[in-house]
Amino acid sequence: MHTIDSLAHRLSSYLPPEQIQSIR
């Protein structure tokens, strides 16, 4: 099952931290 943490980990490969935070 998808979680916000697993998505954030996946996004870290191509998005900067501040943008990942806005998605959170």
PDBML (XML) file of the C-alpha atoms, coordinates in Angstrom:
<?xml version="1.0" encoding="UTF-8" ?>
<PDBx:datablock datablockName="MODEL"
   xmlns:PDBx="http://pdbml.pdb.org/schema/pdbx-v50.xsd"
   xmlns:xsi="http://www.w3.org/2001/XMLSchema-instance"
   xsi:schemaLocation="http://pdbml.pdb.org/schema/pdbx-v50.xsd pdbx-v50.xsd">
   <PDBx:atom_siteCategory>
      <PDBx:atom_site id="1">
         <PDBx:B_iso_or_equiv>0.00</PDBx:B_iso_or_equiv>
         <PDBx:Cartn_x>0.000</PDBx:Cartn_x>
         <PDBx:Cartn_y>0.000</PDBx:Cartn_y>
         <PDBx:Cartn_z>0.000</PDBx:Cartn_z>
         <PDBx:auth_asym_id>A</PDBx:auth_asym_id>
         <PDBx:auth_atom_id>CA</PDBx:auth_atom_id>
         <PDBx:auth_comp_id>MET</PDBx:auth_comp_id>
         <PDBx:auth_seq_id>1</PDBx:auth_seq_id>
         <PDBx:group_PDB>ATOM</PDBx:group_PDB>
         <PDBx:label_alt_id xsi:nil="true" />
         <PDBx:label_asym_id>A</PDBx:label_asym_id>
         <PDBx:label_atom_id>CA</PDBx:label_atom_id>
         <PDBx:label_comp_id>MET</PDBx:label_comp_id>
         <PDBx:label_entity_id>1</PDBx:label_entity_id>
         <PDBx:label_seq_id>1</PDBx:label_seq_id>
         <PDBx:occupancy>1.00</PDBx:occupancy>
         <PDBx:pdbx_PDB_model_num>1</PDBx:pdbx_PDB_model_num>
         <PDBx:type_symbol>C</PDBx:type_symbol>
      </PDBx:atom_site>
      <PDBx:atom_site id="2">
         <PDBx:B_iso_or_equiv>0.00</PDBx:B_iso_or_equiv>
         <PDBx:Cartn_x>1.227</PDBx:Cartn_x>
         <PDBx:Cartn_y>3.500</PDBx:Cartn_y>
         <PDBx:Cartn_z>-0.893</PDBx:Cartn_z>
         <PDBx:auth_asym_id>A</PDBx:auth_asym_id>
         <PDBx:auth_atom_id>CA</PDBx:auth_atom_id>
         <PDBx:auth_comp_id>HIS</PDBx:auth_comp_id>
         <PDBx:auth_seq_id>2</PDBx:auth_seq_id>
         <PDBx:group_PDB>ATOM</PDBx:group_PDB>
         <PDBx:label_alt_id xsi:nil="true" />
         <PDBx:label_asym_id>A</PDBx:label_asym_id>
         <PDBx:label_atom_id>CA</PDBx:label_atom_id>
         <PDBx:label_comp_id>HIS</PDBx:label_comp_id>
         <PDBx:label_entity_id>1</PDBx:label_entity_id>
         <PDBx:label_seq_id>2</PDBx:label_seq_id>
         <PDBx:occupancy>1.00</PDBx:occupancy>
         <PDBx:pdbx_PDB_model_num>1</PDBx:pdbx_PDB_model_num>
         <PDBx:type_symbol>C</PDBx:type_symbol>
      </PDBx:atom_site>
      <PDBx:atom_site id="3">
         <PDBx:B_iso_or_equiv>0.00</PDBx:B_iso_or_equiv>
         <PDBx:Cartn_x>2.250</PDBx:Cartn_x>
         <PDBx:Cartn_y>5.892</PDBx:Cartn_y>
         <PDBx:Cartn_z>1.906</PDBx:Cartn_z>
         <PDBx:auth_asym_id>A</PDBx:auth_asym_id>
         <PDBx:auth_atom_id>CA</PDBx:auth_atom_id>
         <PDBx:auth_comp_id>THR</PDBx:auth_comp_id>
         <PDBx:auth_seq_id>3</PDBx:auth_seq_id>
         <PDBx:group_PDB>ATOM</PDBx:group_PDB>
         <PDBx:label_alt_id xsi:nil="true" />
         <PDBx:label_asym_id>A</PDBx:label_asym_id>
         <PDBx:label_atom_id>CA</PDBx:label_atom_id>
         <PDBx:label_comp_id>THR</PDBx:label_comp_id>
         <PDBx:label_entity_id>1</PDBx:label_entity_id>
         <PDBx:label_seq_id>3</PDBx:label_seq_id>
         <PDBx:occupancy>1.00</PDBx:occupancy>
         <PDBx:pdbx_PDB_model_num>1</PDBx:pdbx_PDB_model_num>
         <PDBx:type_symbol>C</PDBx:type_symbol>
      </PDBx:atom_site>
      <PDBx:atom_site id="4">
         <PDBx:B_iso_or_equiv>0.00</PDBx:B_iso_or_equiv>
         <PDBx:Cartn_x>3.354</PDBx:Cartn_x>
         <PDBx:Cartn_y>9.518</PDBx:Cartn_y>
         <PDBx:Cartn_z>1.797</PDBx:Cartn_z>
         <PDBx:auth_asym_id>A</PDBx:auth_asym_id>
         <PDBx:auth_atom_id>CA</PDBx:auth_atom_id>
         <PDBx:auth_comp_id>ILE</PDBx:auth_comp_id>
         <PDBx:auth_seq_id>4</PDBx:auth_seq_id>
         <PDBx:group_PDB>ATOM</PDBx:group_PDB>
         <PDBx:label_alt_id xsi:nil="true" />
         <PDBx:label_asym_id>A</PDBx:label_asym_id>
         <PDBx:label_atom_id>CA</PDBx:label_atom_id>
         <PDBx:label_comp_id>ILE</PDBx:label_comp_id>
         <PDBx:label_entity_id>1</PDBx:label_entity_id>
         <PDBx:label_seq_id>4</PDBx:label_seq_id>
         <PDBx:occupancy>1.00</PDBx:occupancy>
         <PDBx:pdbx_PDB_model_num>1</PDBx:pdbx_PDB_model_num>
         <PDBx:type_symbol>C</PDBx:type_symbol>
      </PDBx:atom_site>
      <PDBx:atom_site id="5">
         <PDBx:B_iso_or_equiv>0.00</PDBx:B_iso_or_equiv>
         <PDBx:Cartn_x>6.801</PDBx:Cartn_x>
         <PDBx:Cartn_y>8.450</PDBx:Cartn_y>
         <PDBx:Cartn_z>3.091</PDBx:Cartn_z>
         <PDBx:auth_asym_id>A</PDBx:auth_asym_id>
         <PDBx:auth_atom_id>CA</PDBx:auth_atom_id>
         <PDBx:auth_comp_id>ASP</PDBx:auth_comp_id>
         <PDBx:auth_seq_id>5</PDBx:auth_seq_id>
         <PDBx:group_PDB>ATOM</PDBx:group_PDB>
         <PDBx:label_alt_id xsi:nil="true" />
         <PDBx:label_asym_id>A</PDBx:label_asym_id>
         <PDBx:label_atom_id>CA</PDBx:label_atom_id>
         <PDBx:label_comp_id>ASP</PDBx:label_comp_id>
         <PDBx:label_entity_id>1</PDBx:label_entity_id>
         <PDBx:label_seq_id>5</PDBx:label_seq_id>
         <PDBx:occupancy>1.00</PDBx:occupancy>
         <PDBx:pdbx_PDB_model_num>1</PDBx:pdbx_PDB_model_num>
         <PDBx:type_symbol>C</PDBx:type_symbol>
      </PDBx:atom_site>
      <PDBx:atom_site id="6">
         <PDBx:B_iso_or_equiv>0.00</PDBx:B_iso_or_equiv>
         <PDBx:Cartn_x>7.319</PDBx:Cartn_x>
         <PDBx:Cartn_y>5.911</PDBx:Cartn_y>
         <PDBx:Cartn_z>0.291</PDBx:Cartn_z>
         <PDBx:auth_asym_id>A</PDBx:auth_asym_id>
         <PDBx:auth_atom_id>CA</PDBx:auth_atom_id>
         <PDBx:auth_comp_id>SER</PDBx:auth_comp_id>
         <PDBx:auth_seq_id>6</PDBx:auth_seq_id>
         <PDBx:group_PDB>ATOM</PDBx:group_PDB>
         <PDBx:label_alt_id xsi:nil="true" />
         <PDBx:label_asym_id>A</PDBx:label_asym_id>
         <PDBx:label_atom_id>CA</PDBx:label_atom_id>
         <PDBx:label_comp_id>SER</PDBx:label_comp_id>
         <PDBx:label_entity_id>1</PDBx:label_entity_id>
         <PDBx:label_seq_id>6</PDBx:label_seq_id>
         <PDBx:occupancy>1.00</PDBx:occupancy>
         <PDBx:pdbx_PDB_model_num>1</PDBx:pdbx_PDB_model_num>
         <PDBx:type_symbol>C</PDBx:type_symbol>
      </PDBx:atom_site>
      <PDBx:atom_site id="7">
         <PDBx:B_iso_or_equiv>0.00</PDBx:B_iso_or_equiv>
         <PDBx:Cartn_x>6.228</PDBx:Cartn_x>
         <PDBx:Cartn_y>8.532</PDBx:Cartn_y>
         <PDBx:Cartn_z>-2.264</PDBx:Cartn_z>
         <PDBx:auth_asym_id>A</PDBx:auth_asym_id>
         <PDBx:auth_atom_id>CA</PDBx:auth_atom_id>
         <PDBx:auth_comp_id>LEU</PDBx:auth_comp_id>
         <PDBx:auth_seq_id>7</PDBx:auth_seq_id>
         <PDBx:group_PDB>ATOM</PDBx:group_PDB>
         <PDBx:label_alt_id xsi:nil="true" />
         <PDBx:label_asym_id>A</PDBx:label_asym_id>
         <PDBx:label_atom_id>CA</PDBx:label_atom_id>
         <PDBx:label_comp_id>LEU</PDBx:label_comp_id>
         <PDBx:label_entity_id>1</PDBx:label_entity_id>
         <PDBx:label_seq_id>7</PDBx:label_seq_id>
         <PDBx:occupancy>1.00</PDBx:occupancy>
         <PDBx:pdbx_PDB_model_num>1</PDBx:pdbx_PDB_model_num>
         <PDBx:type_symbol>C</PDBx:type_symbol>
      </PDBx:atom_site>
      <PDBx:atom_site id="8">
         <PDBx:B_iso_or_equiv>0.00</PDBx:B_iso_or_equiv>
         <PDBx:Cartn_x>8.610</PDBx:Cartn_x>
         <PDBx:Cartn_y>11.132</PDBx:Cartn_y>
         <PDBx:Cartn_z>-0.759</PDBx:Cartn_z>
         <PDBx:auth_asym_id>A</PDBx:auth_asym_id>
         <PDBx:auth_atom_id>CA</PDBx:auth_atom_id>
         <PDBx:auth_comp_id>ALA</PDBx:auth_comp_id>
         <PDBx:auth_seq_id>8</PDBx:auth_seq_id>
         <PDBx:group_PDB>ATOM</PDBx:group_PDB>
         <PDBx:label_alt_id xsi:nil="true" />
         <PDBx:label_asym_id>A</PDBx:label_asym_id>
         <PDBx:label_atom_id>CA</PDBx:label_atom_id>
         <PDBx:label_comp_id>ALA</PDBx:label_comp_id>
         <PDBx:label_entity_id>1</PDBx:label_entity_id>
         <PDBx:label_seq_id>8</PDBx:label_seq_id>
         <PDBx:occupancy>1.00</PDBx:occupancy>
         <PDBx:pdbx_PDB_model_num>1</PDBx:pdbx_PDB_model_num>
         <PDBx:type_symbol>C</PDBx:type_symbol>
      </PDBx:atom_site>
      <PDBx:atom_site id="9">
         <PDBx:B_iso_or_equiv>0.00</PDBx:B_iso_or_equiv>
         <PDBx:Cartn_x>11.466</PDBx:Cartn_x>
         <PDBx:Cartn_y>8.626</PDBx:Cartn_y>
         <PDBx:Cartn_z>-0.980</PDBx:Cartn_z>
         <PDBx:auth_asym_id>A</PDBx:auth_asym_id>
         <PDBx:auth_atom_id>CA</PDBx:auth_atom_id>
         <PDBx:auth_comp_id>HIS</PDBx:auth_comp_id>
         <PDBx:auth_seq_id>9</PDBx:auth_seq_id>
         <PDBx:group_PDB>ATOM</PDBx:group_PDB>
         <PDBx:label_alt_id xsi:nil="true" />
         <PDBx:label_asym_id>A</PDBx:label_asym_id>
         <PDBx:label_atom_id>CA</PDBx:label_atom_id>
         <PDBx:label_comp_id>HIS</PDBx:label_comp_id>
         <PDBx:label_entity_id>1</PDBx:label_entity_id>
         <PDBx:label_seq_id>9</PDBx:label_seq_id>
         <PDBx:occupancy>1.00</PDBx:occupancy>
         <PDBx:pdbx_PDB_model_num>1</PDBx:pdbx_PDB_model_num>
         <PDBx:type_symbol>C</PDBx:type_symbol>
      </PDBx:atom_site>
      <PDBx:atom_site id="10">
         <PDBx:B_iso_or_equiv>0.00</PDBx:B_iso_or_equiv>
         <PDBx:Cartn_x>10.665</PDBx:Cartn_x>
         <PDBx:Cartn_y>8.029</PDBx:Cartn_y>
         <PDBx:Cartn_z>-4.654</PDBx:Cartn_z>
         <PDBx:auth_asym_id>A</PDBx:auth_asym_id>
         <PDBx:auth_atom_id>CA</PDBx:auth_atom_id>
         <PDBx:auth_comp_id>ARG</PDBx:auth_comp_id>
         <PDBx:auth_seq_id>10</PDBx:auth_seq_id>
         <PDBx:group_PDB>ATOM</PDBx:group_PDB>
         <PDBx:label_alt_id xsi:nil="true" />
         <PDBx:label_asym_id>A</PDBx:label_asym_id>
         <PDBx:label_atom_id>CA</PDBx:label_atom_id>
         <PDBx:label_comp_id>ARG</PDBx:label_comp_id>
         <PDBx:label_entity_id>1</PDBx:label_entity_id>
         <PDBx:label_seq_id>10</PDBx:label_seq_id>
         <PDBx:occupancy>1.00</PDBx:occupancy>
         <PDBx:pdbx_PDB_model_num>1</PDBx:pdbx_PDB_model_num>
         <PDBx:type_symbol>C</PDBx:type_symbol>
      </PDBx:atom_site>
      <PDBx:atom_site id="11">
         <PDBx:B_iso_or_equiv>0.00</PDBx:B_iso_or_equiv>
         <PDBx:Cartn_x>10.477</PDBx:Cartn_x>
         <PDBx:Cartn_y>11.770</PDBx:Cartn_y>
         <PDBx:Cartn_z>-5.393</PDBx:Cartn_z>
         <PDBx:auth_asym_id>A</PDBx:auth_asym_id>
         <PDBx:auth_atom_id>CA</PDBx:auth_atom_id>
         <PDBx:auth_comp_id>LEU</PDBx:auth_comp_id>
         <PDBx:auth_seq_id>11</PDBx:auth_seq_id>
         <PDBx:group_PDB>ATOM</PDBx:group_PDB>
         <PDBx:label_alt_id xsi:nil="true" />
         <PDBx:label_asym_id>A</PDBx:label_asym_id>
         <PDBx:label_atom_id>CA</PDBx:label_atom_id>
         <PDBx:label_comp_id>LEU</PDBx:label_comp_id>
         <PDBx:label_entity_id>1</PDBx:label_entity_id>
         <PDBx:label_seq_id>11</PDBx:label_seq_id>
         <PDBx:occupancy>1.00</PDBx:occupancy>
         <PDBx:pdbx_PDB_model_num>1</PDBx:pdbx_PDB_model_num>
         <PDBx:type_symbol>C</PDBx:type_symbol>
      </PDBx:atom_site>
      <PDBx:atom_site id="12">
         <PDBx:B_iso_or_equiv>0.00</PDBx:B_iso_or_equiv>
         <PDBx:Cartn_x>13.892</PDBx:Cartn_x>
         <PDBx:Cartn_y>12.404</PDBx:Cartn_y>
         <PDBx:Cartn_z>-3.792</PDBx:Cartn_z>
         <PDBx:auth_asym_id>A</PDBx:auth_asym_id>
         <PDBx:auth_atom_id>CA</PDBx:auth_atom_id>
         <PDBx:auth_comp_id>SER</PDBx:auth_comp_id>
         <PDBx:auth_seq_id>12</PDBx:auth_seq_id>
         <PDBx:group_PDB>ATOM</PDBx:group_PDB>
         <PDBx:label_alt_id xsi:nil="true" />
         <PDBx:label_asym_id>A</PDBx:label_asym_id>
         <PDBx:label_atom_id>CA</PDBx:label_atom_id>
         <PDBx:label_comp_id>SER</PDBx:label_comp_id>
         <PDBx:label_entity_id>1</PDBx:label_entity_id>
         <PDBx:label_seq_id>12</PDBx:label_seq_id>
         <PDBx:occupancy>1.00</PDBx:occupancy>
         <PDBx:pdbx_PDB_model_num>1</PDBx:pdbx_PDB_model_num>
         <PDBx:type_symbol>C</PDBx:type_symbol>
      </PDBx:atom_site>
      <PDBx:atom_site id="13">
         <PDBx:B_iso_or_equiv>0.00</PDBx:B_iso_or_equiv>
         <PDBx:Cartn_x>15.514</PDBx:Cartn_x>
         <PDBx:Cartn_y>10.958</PDBx:Cartn_y>
         <PDBx:Cartn_z>-6.929</PDBx:Cartn_z>
         <PDBx:auth_asym_id>A</PDBx:auth_asym_id>
         <PDBx:auth_atom_id>CA</PDBx:auth_atom_id>
         <PDBx:auth_comp_id>SER</PDBx:auth_comp_id>
         <PDBx:auth_seq_id>13</PDBx:auth_seq_id>
         <PDBx:group_PDB>ATOM</PDBx:group_PDB>
         <PDBx:label_alt_id xsi:nil="true" />
         <PDBx:label_asym_id>A</PDBx:label_asym_id>
         <PDBx:label_atom_id>CA</PDBx:label_atom_id>
         <PDBx:label_comp_id>SER</PDBx:label_comp_id>
         <PDBx:label_entity_id>1</PDBx:label_entity_id>
         <PDBx:label_seq_id>13</PDBx:label_seq_id>
         <PDBx:occupancy>1.00</PDBx:occupancy>
         <PDBx:pdbx_PDB_model_num>1</PDBx:pdbx_PDB_model_num>
         <PDBx:type_symbol>C</PDBx:type_symbol>
      </PDBx:atom_site>
      <PDBx:atom_site id="14">
         <PDBx:B_iso_or_equiv>0.00</PDBx:B_iso_or_equiv>
         <PDBx:Cartn_x>14.477</PDBx:Cartn_x>
         <PDBx:Cartn_y>13.970</PDBx:Cartn_y>
         <PDBx:Cartn_z>-9.027</PDBx:Cartn_z>
         <PDBx:auth_asym_id>A</PDBx:auth_asym_id>
         <PDBx:auth_atom_id>CA</PDBx:auth_atom_id>
         <PDBx:auth_comp_id>TYR</PDBx:auth_comp_id>
         <PDBx:auth_seq_id>14</PDBx:auth_seq_id>
         <PDBx:group_PDB>ATOM</PDBx:group_PDB>
         <PDBx:label_alt_id xsi:nil="true" />
         <PDBx:label_asym_id>A</PDBx:label_asym_id>
         <PDBx:label_atom_id>CA</PDBx:label_atom_id>
         <PDBx:label_comp_id>TYR</PDBx:label_comp_id>
         <PDBx:label_entity_id>1</PDBx:label_entity_id>
         <PDBx:label_seq_id>14</PDBx:label_seq_id>
         <PDBx:occupancy>1.00</PDBx:occupancy>
         <PDBx:pdbx_PDB_model_num>1</PDBx:pdbx_PDB_model_num>
         <PDBx:type_symbol>C</PDBx:type_symbol>
      </PDBx:atom_site>
      <PDBx:atom_site id="15">
         <PDBx:B_iso_or_equiv>0.00</PDBx:B_iso_or_equiv>
         <PDBx:Cartn_x>12.880</PDBx:Cartn_x>
         <PDBx:Cartn_y>16.713</PDBx:Cartn_y>
         <PDBx:Cartn_z>-6.888</PDBx:Cartn_z>
         <PDBx:auth_asym_id>A</PDBx:auth_asym_id>
         <PDBx:auth_atom_id>CA</PDBx:auth_atom_id>
         <PDBx:auth_comp_id>LEU</PDBx:auth_comp_id>
         <PDBx:auth_seq_id>15</PDBx:auth_seq_id>
         <PDBx:group_PDB>ATOM</PDBx:group_PDB>
         <PDBx:label_alt_id xsi:nil="true" />
         <PDBx:label_asym_id>A</PDBx:label_asym_id>
         <PDBx:label_atom_id>CA</PDBx:label_atom_id>
         <PDBx:label_comp_id>LEU</PDBx:label_comp_id>
         <PDBx:label_entity_id>1</PDBx:label_entity_id>
         <PDBx:label_seq_id>15</PDBx:label_seq_id>
         <PDBx:occupancy>1.00</PDBx:occupancy>
         <PDBx:pdbx_PDB_model_num>1</PDBx:pdbx_PDB_model_num>
         <PDBx:type_symbol>C</PDBx:type_symbol>
      </PDBx:atom_site>
      <PDBx:atom_site id="16">
         <PDBx:B_iso_or_equiv>0.00</PDBx:B_iso_or_equiv>
         <PDBx:Cartn_x>14.564</PDBx:Cartn_x>
         <PDBx:Cartn_y>19.035</PDBx:Cartn_y>
         <PDBx:Cartn_z>-4.312</PDBx:Cartn_z>
         <PDBx:auth_asym_id>A</PDBx:auth_asym_id>
         <PDBx:auth_atom_id>CA</PDBx:auth_atom_id>
         <PDBx:auth_comp_id>PRO</PDBx:auth_comp_id>
         <PDBx:auth_seq_id>16</PDBx:auth_seq_id>
         <PDBx:group_PDB>ATOM</PDBx:group_PDB>
         <PDBx:label_alt_id xsi:nil="true" />
         <PDBx:label_asym_id>A</PDBx:label_asym_id>
         <PDBx:label_atom_id>CA</PDBx:label_atom_id>
         <PDBx:label_comp_id>PRO</PDBx:label_comp_id>
         <PDBx:label_entity_id>1</PDBx:label_entity_id>
         <PDBx:label_seq_id>16</PDBx:label_seq_id>
         <PDBx:occupancy>1.00</PDBx:occupancy>
         <PDBx:pdbx_PDB_model_num>1</PDBx:pdbx_PDB_model_num>
         <PDBx:type_symbol>C</PDBx:type_symbol>
      </PDBx:atom_site>
      <PDBx:atom_site id="17">
         <PDBx:B_iso_or_equiv>0.00</PDBx:B_iso_or_equiv>
         <PDBx:Cartn_x>13.553</PDBx:Cartn_x>
         <PDBx:Cartn_y>18.740</PDBx:Cartn_y>
         <PDBx:Cartn_z>-0.615</PDBx:Cartn_z>
         <PDBx:auth_asym_id>A</PDBx:auth_asym_id>
         <PDBx:auth_atom_id>CA</PDBx:auth_atom_id>
         <PDBx:auth_comp_id>PRO</PDBx:auth_comp_id>
         <PDBx:auth_seq_id>17</PDBx:auth_seq_id>
         <PDBx:group_PDB>ATOM</PDBx:group_PDB>
         <PDBx:label_alt_id xsi:nil="true" />
         <PDBx:label_asym_id>A</PDBx:label_asym_id>
         <PDBx:label_atom_id>CA</PDBx:label_atom_id>
         <PDBx:label_comp_id>PRO</PDBx:label_comp_id>
         <PDBx:label_entity_id>1</PDBx:label_entity_id>
         <PDBx:label_seq_id>17</PDBx:label_seq_id>
         <PDBx:occupancy>1.00</PDBx:occupancy>
         <PDBx:pdbx_PDB_model_num>1</PDBx:pdbx_PDB_model_num>
         <PDBx:type_symbol>C</PDBx:type_symbol>
      </PDBx:atom_site>
      <PDBx:atom_site id="18">
         <PDBx:B_iso_or_equiv>0.00</PDBx:B_iso_or_equiv>
         <PDBx:Cartn_x>11.514</PDBx:Cartn_x>
         <PDBx:Cartn_y>21.982</PDBx:Cartn_y>
         <PDBx:Cartn_z>-0.484</PDBx:Cartn_z>
         <PDBx:auth_asym_id>A</PDBx:auth_asym_id>
         <PDBx:auth_atom_id>CA</PDBx:auth_atom_id>
         <PDBx:auth_comp_id>GLU</PDBx:auth_comp_id>
         <PDBx:auth_seq_id>18</PDBx:auth_seq_id>
         <PDBx:group_PDB>ATOM</PDBx:group_PDB>
         <PDBx:label_alt_id xsi:nil="true" />
         <PDBx:label_asym_id>A</PDBx:label_asym_id>
         <PDBx:label_atom_id>CA</PDBx:label_atom_id>
         <PDBx:label_comp_id>GLU</PDBx:label_comp_id>
         <PDBx:label_entity_id>1</PDBx:label_entity_id>
         <PDBx:label_seq_id>18</PDBx:label_seq_id>
         <PDBx:occupancy>1.00</PDBx:occupancy>
         <PDBx:pdbx_PDB_model_num>1</PDBx:pdbx_PDB_model_num>
         <PDBx:type_symbol>C</PDBx:type_symbol>
      </PDBx:atom_site>
      <PDBx:atom_site id="19">
         <PDBx:B_iso_or_equiv>0.00</PDBx:B_iso_or_equiv>
         <PDBx:Cartn_x>9.315</PDBx:Cartn_x>
         <PDBx:Cartn_y>20.804</PDBx:Cartn_y>
         <PDBx:Cartn_z>-3.375</PDBx:Cartn_z>
         <PDBx:auth_asym_id>A</PDBx:auth_asym_id>
         <PDBx:auth_atom_id>CA</PDBx:auth_atom_id>
         <PDBx:auth_comp_id>GLN</PDBx:auth_comp_id>
         <PDBx:auth_seq_id>19</PDBx:auth_seq_id>
         <PDBx:group_PDB>ATOM</PDBx:group_PDB>
         <PDBx:label_alt_id xsi:nil="true" />
         <PDBx:label_asym_id>A</PDBx:label_asym_id>
         <PDBx:label_atom_id>CA</PDBx:label_atom_id>
         <PDBx:label_comp_id>GLN</PDBx:label_comp_id>
         <PDBx:label_entity_id>1</PDBx:label_entity_id>
         <PDBx:label_seq_id>19</PDBx:label_seq_id>
         <PDBx:occupancy>1.00</PDBx:occupancy>
         <PDBx:pdbx_PDB_model_num>1</PDBx:pdbx_PDB_model_num>
         <PDBx:type_symbol>C</PDBx:type_symbol>
      </PDBx:atom_site>
      <PDBx:atom_site id="20">
         <PDBx:B_iso_or_equiv>0.00</PDBx:B_iso_or_equiv>
         <PDBx:Cartn_x>8.806</PDBx:Cartn_x>
         <PDBx:Cartn_y>17.392</PDBx:Cartn_y>
         <PDBx:Cartn_z>-1.743</PDBx:Cartn_z>
         <PDBx:auth_asym_id>A</PDBx:auth_asym_id>
         <PDBx:auth_atom_id>CA</PDBx:auth_atom_id>
         <PDBx:auth_comp_id>ILE</PDBx:auth_comp_id>
         <PDBx:auth_seq_id>20</PDBx:auth_seq_id>
         <PDBx:group_PDB>ATOM</PDBx:group_PDB>
         <PDBx:label_alt_id xsi:nil="true" />
         <PDBx:label_asym_id>A</PDBx:label_asym_id>
         <PDBx:label_atom_id>CA</PDBx:label_atom_id>
         <PDBx:label_comp_id>ILE</PDBx:label_comp_id>
         <PDBx:label_entity_id>1</PDBx:label_entity_id>
         <PDBx:label_seq_id>20</PDBx:label_seq_id>
         <PDBx:occupancy>1.00</PDBx:occupancy>
         <PDBx:pdbx_PDB_model_num>1</PDBx:pdbx_PDB_model_num>
         <PDBx:type_symbol>C</PDBx:type_symbol>
      </PDBx:atom_site>
      <PDBx:atom_site id="21">
         <PDBx:B_iso_or_equiv>0.00</PDBx:B_iso_or_equiv>
         <PDBx:Cartn_x>7.780</PDBx:Cartn_x>
         <PDBx:Cartn_y>19.226</PDBx:Cartn_y>
         <PDBx:Cartn_z>1.421</PDBx:Cartn_z>
         <PDBx:auth_asym_id>A</PDBx:auth_asym_id>
         <PDBx:auth_atom_id>CA</PDBx:auth_atom_id>
         <PDBx:auth_comp_id>GLN</PDBx:auth_comp_id>
         <PDBx:auth_seq_id>21</PDBx:auth_seq_id>
         <PDBx:group_PDB>ATOM</PDBx:group_PDB>
         <PDBx:label_alt_id xsi:nil="true" />
         <PDBx:label_asym_id>A</PDBx:label_asym_id>
         <PDBx:label_atom_id>CA</PDBx:label_atom_id>
         <PDBx:label_comp_id>GLN</PDBx:label_comp_id>
         <PDBx:label_entity_id>1</PDBx:label_entity_id>
         <PDBx:label_seq_id>21</PDBx:label_seq_id>
         <PDBx:occupancy>1.00</PDBx:occupancy>
         <PDBx:pdbx_PDB_model_num>1</PDBx:pdbx_PDB_model_num>
         <PDBx:type_symbol>C</PDBx:type_symbol>
      </PDBx:atom_site>
      <PDBx:atom_site id="22">
         <PDBx:B_iso_or_equiv>0.00</PDBx:B_iso_or_equiv>
         <PDBx:Cartn_x>5.115</PDBx:Cartn_x>
         <PDBx:Cartn_y>21.180</PDBx:Cartn_y>
         <PDBx:Cartn_z>-0.504</PDBx:Cartn_z>
         <PDBx:auth_asym_id>A</PDBx:auth_asym_id>
         <PDBx:auth_atom_id>CA</PDBx:auth_atom_id>
         <PDBx:auth_comp_id>SER</PDBx:auth_comp_id>
         <PDBx:auth_seq_id>22</PDBx:auth_seq_id>
         <PDBx:group_PDB>ATOM</PDBx:group_PDB>
         <PDBx:label_alt_id xsi:nil="true" />
         <PDBx:label_asym_id>A</PDBx:label_asym_id>
         <PDBx:label_atom_id>CA</PDBx:label_atom_id>
         <PDBx:label_comp_id>SER</PDBx:label_comp_id>
         <PDBx:label_entity_id>1</PDBx:label_entity_id>
         <PDBx:label_seq_id>22</PDBx:label_seq_id>
         <PDBx:occupancy>1.00</PDBx:occupancy>
         <PDBx:pdbx_PDB_model_num>1</PDBx:pdbx_PDB_model_num>
         <PDBx:type_symbol>C</PDBx:type_symbol>
      </PDBx:atom_site>
      <PDBx:atom_site id="23">
         <PDBx:B_iso_or_equiv>0.00</PDBx:B_iso_or_equiv>
         <PDBx:Cartn_x>3.725</PDBx:Cartn_x>
         <PDBx:Cartn_y>17.834</PDBx:Cartn_y>
         <PDBx:Cartn_z>-1.780</PDBx:Cartn_z>
         <PDBx:auth_asym_id>A</PDBx:auth_asym_id>
         <PDBx:auth_atom_id>CA</PDBx:auth_atom_id>
         <PDBx:auth_comp_id>ILE</PDBx:auth_comp_id>
         <PDBx:auth_seq_id>23</PDBx:auth_seq_id>
         <PDBx:group_PDB>ATOM</PDBx:group_PDB>
         <PDBx:label_alt_id xsi:nil="true" />
         <PDBx:label_asym_id>A</PDBx:label_asym_id>
         <PDBx:label_atom_id>CA</PDBx:label_atom_id>
         <PDBx:label_comp_id>ILE</PDBx:label_comp_id>
         <PDBx:label_entity_id>1</PDBx:label_entity_id>
         <PDBx:label_seq_id>23</PDBx:label_seq_id>
         <PDBx:occupancy>1.00</PDBx:occupancy>
         <PDBx:pdbx_PDB_model_num>1</PDBx:pdbx_PDB_model_num>
         <PDBx:type_symbol>C</PDBx:type_symbol>
      </PDBx:atom_site>
      <PDBx:atom_site id="24">
         <PDBx:B_iso_or_equiv>0.00</PDBx:B_iso_or_equiv>
         <PDBx:Cartn_x>3.669</PDBx:Cartn_x>
         <PDBx:Cartn_y>16.509</PDBx:Cartn_y>
         <PDBx:Cartn_z>1.809</PDBx:Cartn_z>
         <PDBx:auth_asym_id>A</PDBx:auth_asym_id>
         <PDBx:auth_atom_id>CA</PDBx:auth_atom_id>
         <PDBx:auth_comp_id>ARG</PDBx:auth_comp_id>
         <PDBx:auth_seq_id>24</PDBx:auth_seq_id>
         <PDBx:group_PDB>ATOM</PDBx:group_PDB>
         <PDBx:label_alt_id xsi:nil="true" />
         <PDBx:label_asym_id>A</PDBx:label_asym_id>
         <PDBx:label_atom_id>CA</PDBx:label_atom_id>
         <PDBx:label_comp_id>ARG</PDBx:label_comp_id>
         <PDBx:label_entity_id>1</PDBx:label_entity_id>
         <PDBx:label_seq_id>24</PDBx:label_seq_id>
         <PDBx:occupancy>1.00</PDBx:occupancy>
         <PDBx:pdbx_PDB_model_num>1</PDBx:pdbx_PDB_model_num>
         <PDBx:type_symbol>C</PDBx:type_symbol>
      </PDBx:atom_site>
   </PDBx:atom_siteCategory>
</PDBx:datablock>
